[in-house]
Amino acid sequence: MFDNRQKYIRFGEYNSFLFFPTIIDHKVFKHLNPISAGFCYLDQVNVVYCFGESVSLELQSMEDDTKLATKQVYGIDAMLNLK
């Protein structure tokens, strides 16, 4: 079975996100001062589902990560359609 899970970090400035393969450690991006980090799936229809935590950065996903990541990838309409 194919696992399409990705890792992500969120930056405080502009609430922007960086998505990258799970083989890369979150700590590689520590110098960018992320405010949250974890895992995500981008395969859902117009949703970026964020969850979990980064042990190496000692950061967890934030409650609004899914909403803001969805807005970044799929636009405001997709974000407004989240339940």
Protein backbone atom coordinates (compact mmCIF):
# COMPACT_ATOMS: atom_id res chain seq x y z
CA MET A 1 0.00 0.00 0.00
CA PHE A 2 1.27 3.46 -0.90
CA ASP A 3 1.48 6.03 1.90
CA ASN A 4 1.11 9.55 0.51
CA ARG A 5 1.68 11.26 3.84
CA GLN A 6 3.89 14.35 3.80
CA LYS A 7 5.53 16.45 6.49
CA TYR A 8 4.96 20.15 6.90
CA ILE A 9 6.07 23.18 8.86
CA ARG A 10 4.17 26.43 9.31
CA PHE A 11 5.83 29.82 9.46
CA GLY A 12 4.40 32.64 11.55
CA GLU A 13 4.91 35.24 8.89
CA TYR A 14 1.96 35.14 6.48
CA ASN A 15 0.85 31.78 7.97
CA SER A 16 2.65 30.05 5.11
CA PHE A 17 3.39 26.34 4.89
CA LEU A 18 6.19 24.22 3.49
CA PHE A 19 5.40 20.61 2.53
CA PHE A 20 8.11 17.99 2.07
CA PRO A 21 8.67 14.19 1.95
CA THR A 22 8.66 12.17 5.18
CA ILE A 23 12.25 11.04 4.57
CA ILE A 24 13.43 14.58 5.47
CA ASP A 25 13.61 15.49 9.16
CA HIS A 26 11.63 18.47 10.39
CA LYS A 27 14.75 19.74 12.17
CA VAL A 28 16.36 20.56 8.80
CA PHE A 29 14.09 23.62 8.77
CA LYS A 30 14.66 24.70 12.38
CA HIS A 31 16.57 27.81 11.25
CA LEU A 32 13.35 29.06 9.60
CA ASN A 33 11.68 29.36 13.05
CA PRO A 34 8.49 27.38 12.41
CA ILE A 35 5.54 27.85 14.76
CA SER A 36 3.95 24.45 14.13
CA ALA A 37 4.87 21.20 12.43
CA GLY A 38 3.53 17.75 11.79
CA PHE A 39 2.22 15.52 9.04
CA CYS A 40 -0.38 16.04 6.36
CA TYR A 41 -2.26 14.45 3.49
CA LEU A 42 -2.79 16.48 0.33
CA ASP A 43 -4.72 13.78 -1.52
CA GLN A 44 -8.21 14.59 -0.27
CA VAL A 45 -10.43 16.55 -2.59
CA ASN A 46 -9.49 20.19 -1.94
CA VAL A 47 -8.33 19.57 1.63
CA VAL A 48 -4.89 19.53 3.22
CA TYR A 49 -5.42 17.51 6.40
CA CYS A 50 -2.76 18.43 9.02
CA PHE A 51 -2.13 16.41 12.17
CA GLY A 52 0.45 15.14 14.64
CA GLU A 53 3.69 16.66 15.79
CA SER A 54 7.39 17.03 15.12
CA VAL A 55 9.45 15.35 17.82
CA SER A 56 12.71 16.83 16.50
CA LEU A 57 11.34 20.41 16.65
CA GLU A 58 9.17 19.82 19.73
CA LEU A 59 6.22 21.41 17.90
CA GLN A 60 2.68 20.18 17.42
CA SER A 61 0.17 20.87 14.70
CA MET A 62 -2.09 23.79 15.52
CA GLU A 63 -5.87 23.67 15.44
CA ASP A 64 -6.12 25.94 12.40
CA ASP A 65 -3.30 24.34 10.36
CA THR A 66 -5.72 22.32 8.21
CA LYS A 67 -7.79 25.42 7.40
CA LEU A 68 -4.82 27.65 6.56
CA ALA A 69 -2.89 24.97 4.64
CA THR A 70 -5.99 24.22 2.59
CA LYS A 71 -6.29 27.93 1.79
CA GLN A 72 -2.65 28.06 0.66
CA VAL A 73 -2.90 25.02 -1.62
CA TYR A 74 -6.48 25.11 -2.91
CA GLY A 75 -7.63 28.70 -2.31
CA ILE A 76 -10.10 30.51 -0.11
CA ASP A 77 -13.17 28.78 -1.55
CA ALA A 78 -11.81 25.37 -0.50
CA MET A 79 -11.05 26.74 2.97
CA LEU A 80 -14.57 28.13 3.34
CA ASN A 81 -16.02 24.74 2.34
CA LEU A 82 -14.30 22.92 5.24
CA LYS A 83 -16.68 21.56 7.82
